[in-house]
Amino acid sequence: MAVLGGSATVGTATSAGSRRSTSRPATPEEIAGVVAFLSSDDAGFVAGVTIPIDGGLTAK
């Protein structure tokens, strides 16, 4: 299942060495994609988490 306008895929793991930052602010469409997912039935078990929409800038 693709989210965020098809740019990310749920369930795809990345290693710490392969993470990349976009080095730019999120667009309204990218933020709307996350909001749409969290508002959907697919996010039924998402609770009590902070989801940064920052292009990977805070990824460790």
C-alpha atoms as a PDB file:
ATOM      1  CA  MET A   1       0.000   0.000   0.000  1.00  0.00           C
ATOM      2  CA  ALA A   2       1.483   3.348  -0.995  1.00  0.00           C
ATOM      3  CA  VAL A   3       1.031   6.464   1.065  1.00  0.00           C
ATOM      4  CA  LEU A   4       2.163  10.062   0.728  1.00  0.00           C
ATOM      5  CA  GLY A   5       1.361  10.347  -2.928  1.00  0.00           C
ATOM      6  CA  GLY A   6       3.068   7.076  -3.791  1.00  0.00           C
ATOM      7  CA  SER A   7       6.458   8.262  -2.545  1.00  0.00           C
ATOM      8  CA  ALA A   8       6.601   5.910   0.444  1.00  0.00           C
ATOM      9  CA  THR A   9       5.488   2.337   0.922  1.00  0.00           C
ATOM     10  CA  VAL A  10       4.119   0.984   4.189  1.00  0.00           C
ATOM     11  CA  GLY A  11       6.145  -1.921   5.513  1.00  0.00           C
ATOM     12  CA  THR A  12       9.378  -1.042   3.745  1.00  0.00           C
ATOM     13  CA  ALA A  13      12.275  -1.122   6.191  1.00  0.00           C
ATOM     14  CA  THR A  14      15.405   0.933   5.745  1.00  0.00           C
ATOM     15  CA  SER A  15      18.705   0.617   7.488  1.00  0.00           C
ATOM     16  CA  ALA A  16      20.141   3.597   9.345  1.00  0.00           C
ATOM     17  CA  GLY A  17      22.847   3.988   6.719  1.00  0.00           C
ATOM     18  CA  SER A  18      20.420   4.263   3.805  1.00  0.00           C
ATOM     19  CA  ARG A  19      18.132   6.978   5.186  1.00  0.00           C
ATOM     20  CA  ARG A  20      18.121  10.214   3.261  1.00  0.00           C
ATOM     21  CA  SER A  21      16.835  13.640   4.175  1.00  0.00           C
ATOM     22  CA  THR A  22      14.978  15.684   1.589  1.00  0.00           C
ATOM     23  CA  SER A  23      16.488  18.901   3.050  1.00  0.00           C
ATOM     24  CA  ARG A  24      13.313  20.839   2.305  1.00  0.00           C
ATOM     25  CA  PRO A  25      10.042  21.605   4.041  1.00  0.00           C
ATOM     26  CA  ALA A  26       7.066  19.333   3.372  1.00  0.00           C
ATOM     27  CA  THR A  27       4.543  20.465   0.803  1.00  0.00           C
ATOM     28  CA  PRO A  28       0.886  20.813   1.779  1.00  0.00           C
ATOM     29  CA  GLU A  29       0.121  17.758  -0.368  1.00  0.00           C
ATOM     30  CA  GLU A  30       2.670  15.641   1.543  1.00  0.00           C
ATOM     31  CA  ILE A  31       1.196  16.690   4.884  1.00  0.00           C
ATOM     32  CA  ALA A  32      -2.328  16.068   3.583  1.00  0.00           C
ATOM     33  CA  GLY A  33      -1.326  12.520   2.616  1.00  0.00           C
ATOM     34  CA  VAL A  34      -0.302  11.728   6.186  1.00  0.00           C
ATOM     35  CA  VAL A  35      -3.458  13.341   7.575  1.00  0.00           C
ATOM     36  CA  ALA A  36      -5.601  11.361   5.124  1.00  0.00           C
ATOM     37  CA  PHE A  37      -3.917   8.112   6.165  1.00  0.00           C
ATOM     38  CA  LEU A  38      -4.318   8.840   9.878  1.00  0.00           C
ATOM     39  CA  SER A  39      -7.985   9.658   9.287  1.00  0.00           C
ATOM     40  CA  SER A  40      -8.593   6.395   7.439  1.00  0.00           C
ATOM     41  CA  ASP A  41      -9.555   2.951   8.703  1.00  0.00           C
ATOM     42  CA  ASP A  42      -6.056   1.759   7.710  1.00  0.00           C
ATOM     43  CA  ALA A  43      -4.642   3.677  10.693  1.00  0.00           C
ATOM     44  CA  GLY A  44      -6.964   1.980  13.181  1.00  0.00           C
ATOM     45  CA  PHE A  45      -4.096   0.668  15.309  1.00  0.00           C
ATOM     46  CA  VAL A  46      -1.985   3.843  15.203  1.00  0.00           C
ATOM     47  CA  ALA A  47      -2.195   5.428  18.643  1.00  0.00           C
ATOM     48  CA  GLY A  48       0.035   7.415  20.964  1.00  0.00           C
ATOM     49  CA  VAL A  49       2.810   8.224  18.495  1.00  0.00           C
ATOM     50  CA  THR A  50       4.312  11.347  17.022  1.00  0.00           C
ATOM     51  CA  ILE A  51       4.758  11.151  13.279  1.00  0.00           C
ATOM     52  CA  PRO A  52       7.212  13.766  12.042  1.00  0.00           C
ATOM     53  CA  ILE A  53       6.516  15.015   8.535  1.00  0.00           C
ATOM     54  CA  ASP A  54       9.942  16.506   8.024  1.00  0.00           C
ATOM     55  CA  GLY A  55      11.466  14.677   5.096  1.00  0.00           C
ATOM     56  CA  GLY A  56      13.711  12.605   7.327  1.00  0.00           C
ATOM     57  CA  LEU A  57      15.447  15.499   9.068  1.00  0.00           C
ATOM     58  CA  THR A  58      14.870  14.007  12.533  1.00  0.00           C
ATOM     59  CA  ALA A  59      15.549  10.375  11.563  1.00  0.00           C
ATOM     60  CA  LYS A  60      18.239   8.711  13.639  1.00  0.00           C
END
